[in-house]
C-alpha cells in the first residue's frame, strides 16, 4: 500500500470509529464540535504538546534562543481539555504554571483556574444566556475588583455584535479617567465564521490608541477554535488575538492607530506564517513581534496532535 493510500485509509478508519462512538452515545450532550460561544471545545484532532522555539535579536536582547514546551492533558472519554501546563520544564517560567478547565453538566466550559506554583491565582467564570456565552468574569488585584467581559448578540445570531470589557478602577486611577469603572466596547464584524473587524468606541480608543483592528485568515480549520487562554482573558487580549472564536487560522492582524491631535491614522501589521505538512491542520506557525526593549522576537511553534496522521 502506498503512502497516500495508507493515509486515506487511516483517515477513513478514524472517521468510522468516531461515528461509531457517536452512535453508541445518542444522549451525549457533549458533541465533537468547536464553538467558543457555546462553550464547547472538542476538536477532531486534539493538540497534546506544543514546542516553542524563541529567538530574540537586538542590542538589548535577553534571550538569543530558547526552547520550551506546553503540555495539553485531555479527558479522552469526553474529548475535553483538562489541563494546559505551560513551559513544563520551566526553561522560560520560574514556577509551574497551569490552566485547569472545569465544565458544567451540559459539557460547556464553566471555569478556568489559573495556578502558579501550585497556588490558585485567578478563576475565570463563564456565564451563558439562551445557550450562548454572555459573560466571563474574574476577580483582579488585592481589592478583588470584579472584571467582566460581556458578549452582546442580536436576536437569532450566533456571533456577538459587540464585546465589552468592564474594569473597576483603583482609587488612584479614578482621577485619571474621570470614572470609577472603565468600560471599553468593541463593535465586531464577522464573515464565514471569522472575526474580520473590531471597531473601538471612544474609551477603547483612548486606552489603546486604536480606532479599529482588522483580521485575515487562511482556509484551513483552526484546531484552537473554542480554546480560551487565561492570560489573554486577563489582559483583554481576545480582541488582539481572536483565534479562540474563529473557524480558520489567523494569518494577519492590522492595527489602525488614530491620532486625534492631527486627525491622522497609521497602521501596523503582525503576520502568522503556517506550515501544513499534512493538511488540513497546521503543523507549525511562525510569528515575529517587537518588544519595549527595541528587540525583535521570533517564535516558531510546532503542534503535536493525538492523531498521528495530523502530524509531520
C-alpha atoms as a PDB file:
ATOM      1  CA  UNK A   1       0.000   0.000   0.000  1.00  0.00           C
ATOM      2  CA  UNK A   2       1.486   3.359  -0.951  1.00  0.00           C
ATOM      3  CA  UNK A   3       1.763   6.297   1.456  1.00  0.00           C
ATOM      4  CA  UNK A   4      -1.186   8.286   0.068  1.00  0.00           C
ATOM      5  CA  UNK A   5      -3.488   5.252   0.134  1.00  0.00           C
ATOM      6  CA  UNK A   6      -2.410   4.425   3.691  1.00  0.00           C
ATOM      7  CA  UNK A   7      -3.103   7.983   4.850  1.00  0.00           C
ATOM      8  CA  UNK A   8      -6.580   7.931   3.316  1.00  0.00           C
ATOM      9  CA  UNK A   9      -7.275   4.546   4.891  1.00  0.00           C
ATOM     10  CA  UNK A  10      -6.263   5.763   8.347  1.00  0.00           C
ATOM     11  CA  UNK A  11      -8.446   8.834   7.983  1.00  0.00           C
ATOM     12  CA  UNK A  12     -11.360   6.670   6.886  1.00  0.00           C
ATOM     13  CA  UNK A  13     -10.893   4.333   9.870  1.00  0.00           C
ATOM     14  CA  UNK A  14     -10.755   7.309  12.229  1.00  0.00           C
ATOM     15  CA  UNK A  15     -13.997   8.657  10.761  1.00  0.00           C
ATOM     16  CA  UNK A  16     -15.722   5.292  11.167  1.00  0.00           C
ATOM     17  CA  UNK A  17     -14.574   4.977  14.792  1.00  0.00           C
ATOM     18  CA  UNK A  18     -15.751   8.499  15.555  1.00  0.00           C
ATOM     19  CA  UNK A  19     -19.139   7.809  14.001  1.00  0.00           C
ATOM     20  CA  UNK A  20     -19.450   4.542  15.912  1.00  0.00           C
ATOM     21  CA  UNK A  21     -18.691   6.307  19.177  1.00  0.00           C
ATOM     22  CA  UNK A  22     -21.309   8.960  18.457  1.00  0.00           C
ATOM     23  CA  UNK A  23     -23.912   6.276  17.704  1.00  0.00           C
ATOM     24  CA  UNK A  24     -23.224   4.471  20.970  1.00  0.00           C
ATOM     25  CA  UNK A  25     -23.871   7.643  22.991  1.00  0.00           C
ATOM     26  CA  UNK A  26     -27.056   9.044  21.480  1.00  0.00           C
ATOM     27  CA  UNK A  27     -27.873  11.001  24.639  1.00  0.00           C
ATOM     28  CA  UNK A  28     -24.450  12.650  24.777  1.00  0.00           C
ATOM     29  CA  UNK A  29     -24.729  16.395  25.407  1.00  0.00           C
ATOM     30  CA  UNK A  30     -21.050  16.864  24.516  1.00  0.00           C
ATOM     31  CA  UNK A  31     -20.805  16.565  20.734  1.00  0.00           C
ATOM     32  CA  UNK A  32     -17.480  16.648  18.921  1.00  0.00           C
ATOM     33  CA  UNK A  33     -17.502  20.304  17.976  1.00  0.00           C
ATOM     34  CA  UNK A  34     -15.673  23.617  18.333  1.00  0.00           C
ATOM     35  CA  UNK A  35     -17.846  26.553  19.310  1.00  0.00           C
ATOM     36  CA  UNK A  36     -16.443  29.189  21.652  1.00  0.00           C
ATOM     37  CA  UNK A  37     -19.783  30.951  22.099  1.00  0.00           C
ATOM     38  CA  UNK A  38     -21.429  27.728  23.240  1.00  0.00           C
ATOM     39  CA  UNK A  39     -18.527  26.833  25.499  1.00  0.00           C
ATOM     40  CA  UNK A  40     -17.660  23.703  23.520  1.00  0.00           C
ATOM     41  CA  UNK A  41     -14.109  22.702  22.646  1.00  0.00           C
ATOM     42  CA  UNK A  42     -13.880  19.150  21.367  1.00  0.00           C
ATOM     43  CA  UNK A  43     -11.850  19.273  18.142  1.00  0.00           C
ATOM     44  CA  UNK A  44     -11.456  16.360  15.747  1.00  0.00           C
ATOM     45  CA  UNK A  45      -7.663  16.455  16.237  1.00  0.00           C
ATOM     46  CA  UNK A  46      -6.547  17.386  19.736  1.00  0.00           C
ATOM     47  CA  UNK A  47      -3.248  19.149  20.407  1.00  0.00           C
ATOM     48  CA  UNK A  48      -1.264  17.317  23.105  1.00  0.00           C
ATOM     49  CA  UNK A  49       2.035  19.220  23.017  1.00  0.00           C
ATOM     50  CA  UNK A  50       3.393  22.487  21.626  1.00  0.00           C
ATOM     51  CA  UNK A  51       7.076  23.201  21.175  1.00  0.00           C
ATOM     52  CA  UNK A  52       8.078  26.879  21.108  1.00  0.00           C
ATOM     53  CA  UNK A  53      11.421  27.932  19.630  1.00  0.00           C
ATOM     54  CA  UNK A  54      12.090  31.545  20.604  1.00  0.00           C
ATOM     55  CA  UNK A  55      14.835  33.754  19.179  1.00  0.00           C
ATOM     56  CA  UNK A  56      15.425  37.398  20.124  1.00  0.00           C
ATOM     57  CA  UNK A  57      17.534  39.915  18.209  1.00  0.00           C
ATOM     58  CA  UNK A  58      18.588  43.450  19.116  1.00  0.00           C
ATOM     59  CA  UNK A  59      21.030  45.380  21.265  1.00  0.00           C
ATOM     60  CA  UNK A  60      19.032  44.717  24.459  1.00  0.00           C
ATOM     61  CA  UNK A  61      18.202  41.094  23.622  1.00  0.00           C
ATOM     62  CA  UNK A  62      17.827  38.982  26.753  1.00  0.00           C
ATOM     63  CA  UNK A  63      17.356  35.557  25.126  1.00  0.00           C
ATOM     64  CA  UNK A  64      19.327  34.683  21.996  1.00  0.00           C
ATOM     65  CA  UNK A  65      17.436  31.408  21.702  1.00  0.00           C
ATOM     66  CA  UNK A  66      15.199  29.340  23.934  1.00  0.00           C
ATOM     67  CA  UNK A  67      13.010  26.245  23.571  1.00  0.00           C
ATOM     68  CA  UNK A  68      10.119  25.358  25.847  1.00  0.00           C
ATOM     69  CA  UNK A  69       7.093  23.052  25.759  1.00  0.00           C
ATOM     70  CA  UNK A  70       3.428  23.293  26.700  1.00  0.00           C
ATOM     71  CA  UNK A  71       1.622  20.037  27.549  1.00  0.00           C
ATOM     72  CA  UNK A  72      -2.129  19.606  26.965  1.00  0.00           C
ATOM     73  CA  UNK A  73      -3.914  16.970  29.042  1.00  0.00           C
ATOM     74  CA  UNK A  74      -7.302  15.717  27.841  1.00  0.00           C
ATOM     75  CA  UNK A  75     -10.185  13.730  29.236  1.00  0.00           C
ATOM     76  CA  UNK A  76     -10.211  11.198  26.417  1.00  0.00           C
ATOM     77  CA  UNK A  77     -13.696   9.841  27.145  1.00  0.00           C
ATOM     78  CA  UNK A  78     -15.395  13.234  26.926  1.00  0.00           C
ATOM     79  CA  UNK A  79     -12.830  14.685  24.466  1.00  0.00           C
ATOM     80  CA  UNK A  80     -12.492  17.699  26.743  1.00  0.00           C
ATOM     81  CA  UNK A  81      -9.421  19.685  27.702  1.00  0.00           C
ATOM     82  CA  UNK A  82      -8.494  19.228  31.373  1.00  0.00           C
ATOM     83  CA  UNK A  83      -5.141  20.966  31.914  1.00  0.00           C
ATOM     84  CA  UNK A  84      -2.609  23.034  29.997  1.00  0.00           C
ATOM     85  CA  UNK A  85       0.860  23.010  31.525  1.00  0.00           C
ATOM     86  CA  UNK A  86       2.873  25.991  30.315  1.00  0.00           C
ATOM     87  CA  UNK A  87       6.640  25.551  29.944  1.00  0.00           C
ATOM     88  CA  UNK A  88       6.563  22.161  31.660  1.00  0.00           C
ATOM     89  CA  UNK A  89      10.354  22.025  32.103  1.00  0.00           C
ATOM     90  CA  UNK A  90      10.476  25.655  33.364  1.00  0.00           C
ATOM     91  CA  UNK A  91      13.001  26.815  30.805  1.00  0.00           C
ATOM     92  CA  UNK A  92      11.190  30.130  30.491  1.00  0.00           C
ATOM     93  CA  UNK A  93       8.897  30.446  33.507  1.00  0.00           C
ATOM     94  CA  UNK A  94      10.229  30.398  37.071  1.00  0.00           C
ATOM     95  CA  UNK A  95       7.345  28.397  38.593  1.00  0.00           C
ATOM     96  CA  UNK A  96       4.964  25.667  37.384  1.00  0.00           C
ATOM     97  CA  UNK A  97       2.111  27.463  35.614  1.00  0.00           C
ATOM     98  CA  UNK A  98      -1.134  25.732  34.646  1.00  0.00           C
ATOM     99  CA  UNK A  99      -4.688  26.343  33.478  1.00  0.00           C
ATOM    100  CA  UNK A 100      -7.308  23.890  34.827  1.00  0.00           C
ATOM    101  CA  UNK A 101     -10.604  23.581  32.906  1.00  0.00           C
ATOM    102  CA  UNK A 102     -13.971  22.763  34.508  1.00  0.00           C
ATOM    103  CA  UNK A 103     -17.318  22.055  32.843  1.00  0.00           C
ATOM    104  CA  UNK A 104     -20.993  22.174  33.737  1.00  0.00           C
ATOM    105  CA  UNK A 105     -23.462  19.292  33.472  1.00  0.00           C
ATOM    106  CA  UNK A 106     -24.037  20.064  29.773  1.00  0.00           C
ATOM    107  CA  UNK A 107     -20.348  19.813  28.968  1.00  0.00           C
ATOM    108  CA  UNK A 108     -19.942  23.566  28.491  1.00  0.00           C
ATOM    109  CA  UNK A 109     -16.879  25.352  29.821  1.00  0.00           C
ATOM    110  CA  UNK A 110     -17.771  26.553  33.314  1.00  0.00           C
ATOM    111  CA  UNK A 111     -14.494  27.979  34.629  1.00  0.00           C
ATOM    112  CA  UNK A 112     -10.734  28.151  34.211  1.00  0.00           C
ATOM    113  CA  UNK A 113      -8.466  28.127  37.257  1.00  0.00           C
ATOM    114  CA  UNK A 114      -5.034  29.659  36.677  1.00  0.00           C
ATOM    115  CA  UNK A 115      -2.418  28.271  39.069  1.00  0.00           C
ATOM    116  CA  UNK A 116       1.199  29.292  39.638  1.00  0.00           C
ATOM    117  CA  UNK A 117       3.474  27.221  41.858  1.00  0.00           C
ATOM    118  CA  UNK A 118       0.512  25.027  42.803  1.00  0.00           C
ATOM    119  CA  UNK A 119      -1.448  28.015  44.144  1.00  0.00           C
ATOM    120  CA  UNK A 120      -4.682  29.261  42.571  1.00  0.00           C
ATOM    121  CA  UNK A 121      -4.108  32.824  41.375  1.00  0.00           C
ATOM    122  CA  UNK A 122      -7.289  33.586  39.486  1.00  0.00           C
ATOM    123  CA  UNK A 123     -10.516  31.851  38.442  1.00  0.00           C
ATOM    124  CA  UNK A 124     -12.446  32.814  35.316  1.00  0.00           C
ATOM    125  CA  UNK A 125     -16.182  32.094  35.394  1.00  0.00           C
ATOM    126  CA  UNK A 126     -18.244  31.604  32.225  1.00  0.00           C
ATOM    127  CA  UNK A 127     -21.948  32.524  32.077  1.00  0.00           C
ATOM    128  CA  UNK A 128     -24.411  31.568  29.319  1.00  0.00           C
ATOM    129  CA  UNK A 129     -27.725  33.062  28.264  1.00  0.00           C
ATOM    130  CA  UNK A 130     -30.056  31.364  25.773  1.00  0.00           C
ATOM    131  CA  UNK A 131     -27.306  28.850  25.101  1.00  0.00           C
ATOM    132  CA  UNK A 132     -24.651  31.445  24.195  1.00  0.00           C
ATOM    133  CA  UNK A 133     -21.679  32.777  26.140  1.00  0.00           C
ATOM    134  CA  UNK A 134     -22.773  36.069  27.694  1.00  0.00           C
ATOM    135  CA  UNK A 135     -20.020  36.883  30.183  1.00  0.00           C
ATOM    136  CA  UNK A 136     -16.610  35.941  31.547  1.00  0.00           C
ATOM    137  CA  UNK A 137     -15.798  37.399  34.955  1.00  0.00           C
ATOM    138  CA  UNK A 138     -12.882  37.166  37.363  1.00  0.00           C
ATOM    139  CA  UNK A 139     -11.538  38.914  40.459  1.00  0.00           C
ATOM    140  CA  UNK A 140      -8.454  41.041  39.932  1.00  0.00           C
ATOM    141  CA  UNK A 141      -5.986  42.741  42.263  1.00  0.00           C
ATOM    142  CA  UNK A 142      -5.644  42.845  46.014  1.00  0.00           C
ATOM    143  CA  UNK A 143      -9.030  44.563  46.307  1.00  0.00           C
ATOM    144  CA  UNK A 144     -10.681  41.724  44.348  1.00  0.00           C
ATOM    145  CA  UNK A 145     -12.197  44.036  41.769  1.00  0.00           C
ATOM    146  CA  UNK A 146     -14.655  42.138  39.554  1.00  0.00           C
ATOM    147  CA  UNK A 147     -13.529  42.350  35.905  1.00  0.00           C
ATOM    148  CA  UNK A 148     -16.078  41.317  33.284  1.00  0.00           C
ATOM    149  CA  UNK A 149     -16.052  40.601  29.563  1.00  0.00           C
ATOM    150  CA  UNK A 150     -19.570  40.755  28.100  1.00  0.00           C
ATOM    151  CA  UNK A 151     -20.748  39.477  24.717  1.00  0.00           C
ATOM    152  CA  UNK A 152     -23.761  41.167  23.093  1.00  0.00           C
ATOM    153  CA  UNK A 153     -25.927  39.459  20.458  1.00  0.00           C
ATOM    154  CA  UNK A 154     -28.737  40.387  18.117  1.00  0.00           C
ATOM    155  CA  UNK A 155     -31.733  38.051  18.310  1.00  0.00           C
ATOM    156  CA  UNK A 156     -31.157  34.855  16.375  1.00  0.00           C
ATOM    157  CA  UNK A 157     -27.455  35.497  15.772  1.00  0.00           C
ATOM    158  CA  UNK A 158     -24.752  33.047  16.857  1.00  0.00           C
ATOM    159  CA  UNK A 159     -21.914  35.590  16.807  1.00  0.00           C
ATOM    160  CA  UNK A 160     -21.826  38.677  19.068  1.00  0.00           C
ATOM    161  CA  UNK A 161     -22.025  42.131  17.534  1.00  0.00           C
ATOM    162  CA  UNK A 162     -20.009  43.651  20.391  1.00  0.00           C
ATOM    163  CA  UNK A 163     -17.631  42.765  23.188  1.00  0.00           C
ATOM    164  CA  UNK A 164     -17.431  44.938  26.321  1.00  0.00           C
ATOM    165  CA  UNK A 165     -14.573  44.982  28.857  1.00  0.00           C
ATOM    166  CA  UNK A 166     -15.510  46.429  32.275  1.00  0.00           C
ATOM    167  CA  UNK A 167     -12.822  47.155  34.899  1.00  0.00           C
ATOM    168  CA  UNK A 168     -13.478  48.761  38.300  1.00  0.00           C
ATOM    169  CA  UNK A 169     -10.533  51.085  38.945  1.00  0.00           C
ATOM    170  CA  UNK A 170      -8.238  51.528  41.897  1.00  0.00           C
ATOM    171  CA  UNK A 171      -8.768  54.807  43.744  1.00  0.00           C
ATOM    172  CA  UNK A 172      -5.561  56.404  42.444  1.00  0.00           C
ATOM    173  CA  UNK A 173      -6.696  55.799  38.839  1.00  0.00           C
ATOM    174  CA  UNK A 174     -10.157  57.338  39.152  1.00  0.00           C
ATOM    175  CA  UNK A 175      -8.974  60.924  38.640  1.00  0.00           C
ATOM    176  CA  UNK A 176      -7.019  59.928  35.516  1.00  0.00           C
ATOM    177  CA  UNK A 177     -10.083  58.521  33.782  1.00  0.00           C
ATOM    178  CA  UNK A 178     -12.815  60.583  35.411  1.00  0.00           C
ATOM    179  CA  UNK A 179     -14.758  57.454  36.347  1.00  0.00           C
ATOM    180  CA  UNK A 180     -14.575  54.670  38.903  1.00  0.00           C
ATOM    181  CA  UNK A 181     -15.271  51.992  36.281  1.00  0.00           C
ATOM    182  CA  UNK A 182     -13.542  51.721  32.937  1.00  0.00           C
ATOM    183  CA  UNK A 183     -15.823  50.399  30.158  1.00  0.00           C
ATOM    184  CA  UNK A 184     -14.376  49.650  26.717  1.00  0.00           C
ATOM    185  CA  UNK A 185     -16.576  48.475  23.880  1.00  0.00           C
ATOM    186  CA  UNK A 186     -15.580  46.980  20.535  1.00  0.00           C
ATOM    187  CA  UNK A 187     -18.090  46.513  17.714  1.00  0.00           C
ATOM    188  CA  UNK A 188     -17.484  43.244  15.881  1.00  0.00           C
ATOM    189  CA  UNK A 189     -17.964  42.210  12.248  1.00  0.00           C
ATOM    190  CA  UNK A 190     -17.963  38.587  11.109  1.00  0.00           C
ATOM    191  CA  UNK A 191     -17.616  36.721   7.810  1.00  0.00           C
ATOM    192  CA  UNK A 192     -17.719  32.967   7.231  1.00  0.00           C
ATOM    193  CA  UNK A 193     -17.206  32.167  10.889  1.00  0.00           C
ATOM    194  CA  UNK A 194     -14.270  34.551  11.366  1.00  0.00           C
ATOM    195  CA  UNK A 195     -13.946  37.929  13.079  1.00  0.00           C
ATOM    196  CA  UNK A 196     -12.787  40.326  10.363  1.00  0.00           C
ATOM    197  CA  UNK A 197     -13.027  43.713  12.105  1.00  0.00           C
ATOM    198  CA  UNK A 198     -13.247  45.167  15.624  1.00  0.00           C
ATOM    199  CA  UNK A 199     -14.020  48.890  15.928  1.00  0.00           C
ATOM    200  CA  UNK A 200     -13.249  50.747  19.159  1.00  0.00           C
ATOM    201  CA  UNK A 201     -15.554  53.138  20.972  1.00  0.00           C
ATOM    202  CA  UNK A 202     -14.094  56.357  22.376  1.00  0.00           C
ATOM    203  CA  UNK A 203     -12.923  54.822  25.660  1.00  0.00           C
ATOM    204  CA  UNK A 204     -11.347  51.790  23.965  1.00  0.00           C
ATOM    205  CA  UNK A 205      -9.584  54.154  21.584  1.00  0.00           C
ATOM    206  CA  UNK A 206      -8.457  56.364  24.492  1.00  0.00           C
ATOM    207  CA  UNK A 207      -6.978  53.362  26.328  1.00  0.00           C
ATOM    208  CA  UNK A 208      -5.353  51.632  23.336  1.00  0.00           C
ATOM    209  CA  UNK A 209      -4.792  54.358  20.726  1.00  0.00           C
ATOM    210  CA  UNK A 210      -6.533  52.068  18.213  1.00  0.00           C
ATOM    211  CA  UNK A 211      -9.593  53.029  16.208  1.00  0.00           C
ATOM    212  CA  UNK A 212     -10.041  49.532  14.790  1.00  0.00           C
ATOM    213  CA  UNK A 213      -8.383  46.178  14.176  1.00  0.00           C
ATOM    214  CA  UNK A 214      -8.761  44.092  11.012  1.00  0.00           C
ATOM    215  CA  UNK A 215      -8.002  40.390  10.653  1.00  0.00           C
ATOM    216  CA  UNK A 216      -7.320  37.950   7.806  1.00  0.00           C
ATOM    217  CA  UNK A 217      -7.353  34.136   7.796  1.00  0.00           C
ATOM    218  CA  UNK A 218      -6.310  31.092   5.797  1.00  0.00           C
ATOM    219  CA  UNK A 219      -8.804  28.480   4.574  1.00  0.00           C
ATOM    220  CA  UNK A 220      -7.679  25.678   6.917  1.00  0.00           C
ATOM    221  CA  UNK A 221      -9.570  24.541  10.051  1.00  0.00           C
ATOM    222  CA  UNK A 222      -8.368  26.133  13.271  1.00  0.00           C
ATOM    223  CA  UNK A 223      -7.529  23.494  15.927  1.00  0.00           C
ATOM    224  CA  UNK A 224      -7.781  26.187  18.644  1.00  0.00           C
ATOM    225  CA  UNK A 225     -11.313  27.432  17.928  1.00  0.00           C
ATOM    226  CA  UNK A 226     -13.076  27.175  21.278  1.00  0.00           C
ATOM    227  CA  UNK A 227      -9.864  27.190  23.337  1.00  0.00           C
ATOM    228  CA  UNK A 228      -9.714  30.006  25.922  1.00  0.00           C
ATOM    229  CA  UNK A 229      -6.353  31.072  27.340  1.00  0.00           C
ATOM    230  CA  UNK A 230      -6.482  32.642  30.803  1.00  0.00           C
ATOM    231  CA  UNK A 231      -3.657  35.097  30.068  1.00  0.00           C
ATOM    232  CA  UNK A 232      -5.486  36.533  27.048  1.00  0.00           C
ATOM    233  CA  UNK A 233      -8.677  36.965  29.070  1.00  0.00           C
ATOM    234  CA  UNK A 234      -6.771  38.696  31.892  1.00  0.00           C
ATOM    235  CA  UNK A 235      -5.344  41.323  29.537  1.00  0.00           C
ATOM    236  CA  UNK A 236      -8.379  41.793  27.242  1.00  0.00           C
ATOM    237  CA  UNK A 237      -6.208  40.021  24.682  1.00  0.00           C
ATOM    238  CA  UNK A 238      -9.004  38.189  22.901  1.00  0.00           C
ATOM    239  CA  UNK A 239      -9.596  41.285  20.795  1.00  0.00           C
ATOM    240  CA  UNK A 240      -5.905  41.232  19.797  1.00  0.00           C
ATOM    241  CA  UNK A 241      -5.870  37.501  19.114  1.00  0.00           C
ATOM    242  CA  UNK A 242      -9.414  36.230  18.447  1.00  0.00           C
ATOM    243  CA  UNK A 243      -8.243  32.730  17.463  1.00  0.00           C
ATOM    244  CA  UNK A 244     -10.443  31.131  20.121  1.00  0.00           C
ATOM    245  CA  UNK A 245     -13.530  32.424  18.285  1.00  0.00           C
ATOM    246  CA  UNK A 246     -12.696  31.758  14.652  1.00  0.00           C
ATOM    247  CA  UNK A 247     -13.159  28.878  12.218  1.00  0.00           C
ATOM    248  CA  UNK A 248      -9.875  29.420  10.343  1.00  0.00           C
ATOM    249  CA  UNK A 249      -6.304  30.307  11.341  1.00  0.00           C
ATOM    250  CA  UNK A 250      -5.342  33.954  11.849  1.00  0.00           C
ATOM    251  CA  UNK A 251      -2.634  34.968   9.343  1.00  0.00           C
ATOM    252  CA  UNK A 252      -2.656  38.779   9.525  1.00  0.00           C
ATOM    253  CA  UNK A 253      -3.709  41.464  12.002  1.00  0.00           C
ATOM    254  CA  UNK A 254      -3.760  45.164  11.104  1.00  0.00           C
ATOM    255  CA  UNK A 255      -3.860  47.825  13.817  1.00  0.00           C
ATOM    256  CA  UNK A 256      -5.227  51.277  12.936  1.00  0.00           C
ATOM    257  CA  UNK A 257      -3.567  53.855  15.217  1.00  0.00           C
ATOM    258  CA  UNK A 258      -5.626  57.040  15.319  1.00  0.00           C
ATOM    259  CA  UNK A 259      -4.041  60.340  16.414  1.00  0.00           C
ATOM    260  CA  UNK A 260      -6.783  62.835  17.327  1.00  0.00           C
ATOM    261  CA  UNK A 261      -4.356  65.772  17.582  1.00  0.00           C
ATOM    262  CA  UNK A 262      -3.721  65.888  13.853  1.00  0.00           C
ATOM    263  CA  UNK A 263      -6.602  63.617  12.744  1.00  0.00           C
ATOM    264  CA  UNK A 264      -4.286  61.044  11.157  1.00  0.00           C
ATOM    265  CA  UNK A 265      -4.283  57.256  11.114  1.00  0.00           C
ATOM    266  CA  UNK A 266      -1.274  54.979  10.750  1.00  0.00           C
ATOM    267  CA  UNK A 267      -1.198  51.199  10.556  1.00  0.00           C
ATOM    268  CA  UNK A 268       0.984  48.351  11.786  1.00  0.00           C
ATOM    269  CA  UNK A 269       0.734  44.660  10.981  1.00  0.00           C
ATOM    270  CA  UNK A 270       1.501  41.300  12.528  1.00  0.00           C
ATOM    271  CA  UNK A 271       1.657  38.109  10.473  1.00  0.00           C
ATOM    272  CA  UNK A 272       1.444  34.407  11.258  1.00  0.00           C
ATOM    273  CA  UNK A 273       3.118  32.021   8.817  1.00  0.00           C
ATOM    274  CA  UNK A 274       1.668  28.489   8.952  1.00  0.00           C
ATOM    275  CA  UNK A 275       3.006  25.244   7.579  1.00  0.00           C
ATOM    276  CA  UNK A 276       0.818  22.285   6.709  1.00  0.00           C
ATOM    277  CA  UNK A 277       2.845  19.113   6.354  1.00  0.00           C
ATOM    278  CA  UNK A 278      -0.330  17.081   6.185  1.00  0.00           C
ATOM    279  CA  UNK A 279      -3.421  19.284   5.693  1.00  0.00           C
ATOM    280  CA  UNK A 280      -5.891  20.290   6.877  1.00  0.00           C
ATOM    281  CA  UNK A 281      -4.355  21.093  10.276  1.00  0.00           C
ATOM    282  CA  UNK A 282      -1.309  23.359  10.764  1.00  0.00           C
ATOM    283  CA  UNK A 283       1.893  21.661  11.878  1.00  0.00           C
ATOM    284  CA  UNK A 284       3.664  24.889  12.874  1.00  0.00           C
ATOM    285  CA  UNK A 285       3.323  28.656  12.936  1.00  0.00           C
ATOM    286  CA  UNK A 286       5.954  31.404  12.957  1.00  0.00           C
ATOM    287  CA  UNK A 287       5.452  34.985  14.069  1.00  0.00           C
ATOM    288  CA  UNK A 288       7.690  37.945  14.930  1.00  0.00           C
ATOM    289  CA  UNK A 289       6.860  40.764  17.327  1.00  0.00           C
ATOM    290  CA  UNK A 290       8.586  43.874  18.642  1.00  0.00           C
ATOM    291  CA  UNK A 291       9.287  44.402  22.346  1.00  0.00           C
ATOM    292  CA  UNK A 292       9.546  47.508  24.508  1.00  0.00           C
ATOM    293  CA  UNK A 293      13.298  46.908  24.659  1.00  0.00           C
ATOM    294  CA  UNK A 294      13.722  47.622  20.933  1.00  0.00           C
ATOM    295  CA  UNK A 295      14.241  43.969  20.105  1.00  0.00           C
ATOM    296  CA  UNK A 296      12.514  41.573  17.705  1.00  0.00           C
ATOM    297  CA  UNK A 297      11.357  38.201  18.982  1.00  0.00           C
ATOM    298  CA  UNK A 298      10.628  35.397  16.527  1.00  0.00           C
ATOM    299  CA  UNK A 299       8.686  32.402  17.808  1.00  0.00           C
ATOM    300  CA  UNK A 300       8.122  29.209  15.861  1.00  0.00           C
ATOM    301  CA  UNK A 301       5.617  26.856  17.461  1.00  0.00           C
ATOM    302  CA  UNK A 302       5.230  23.186  16.469  1.00  0.00           C
ATOM    303  CA  UNK A 303       1.918  21.421  17.108  1.00  0.00           C
ATOM    304  CA  UNK A 304       1.722  17.741  18.063  1.00  0.00           C
ATOM    305  CA  UNK A 305      -1.663  16.047  17.799  1.00  0.00           C
ATOM    306  CA  UNK A 306      -3.127  12.866  19.220  1.00  0.00           C
ATOM    307  CA  UNK A 307      -3.935  11.759  15.655  1.00  0.00           C
ATOM    308  CA  UNK A 308      -0.690  10.551  14.008  1.00  0.00           C
ATOM    309  CA  UNK A 309      -1.976  11.359  10.520  1.00  0.00           C
ATOM    310  CA  UNK A 310      -2.317  15.037  11.542  1.00  0.00           C
ATOM    311  CA  UNK A 311       1.375  15.394  12.441  1.00  0.00           C
ATOM    312  CA  UNK A 312       4.563  15.502  10.449  1.00  0.00           C
END
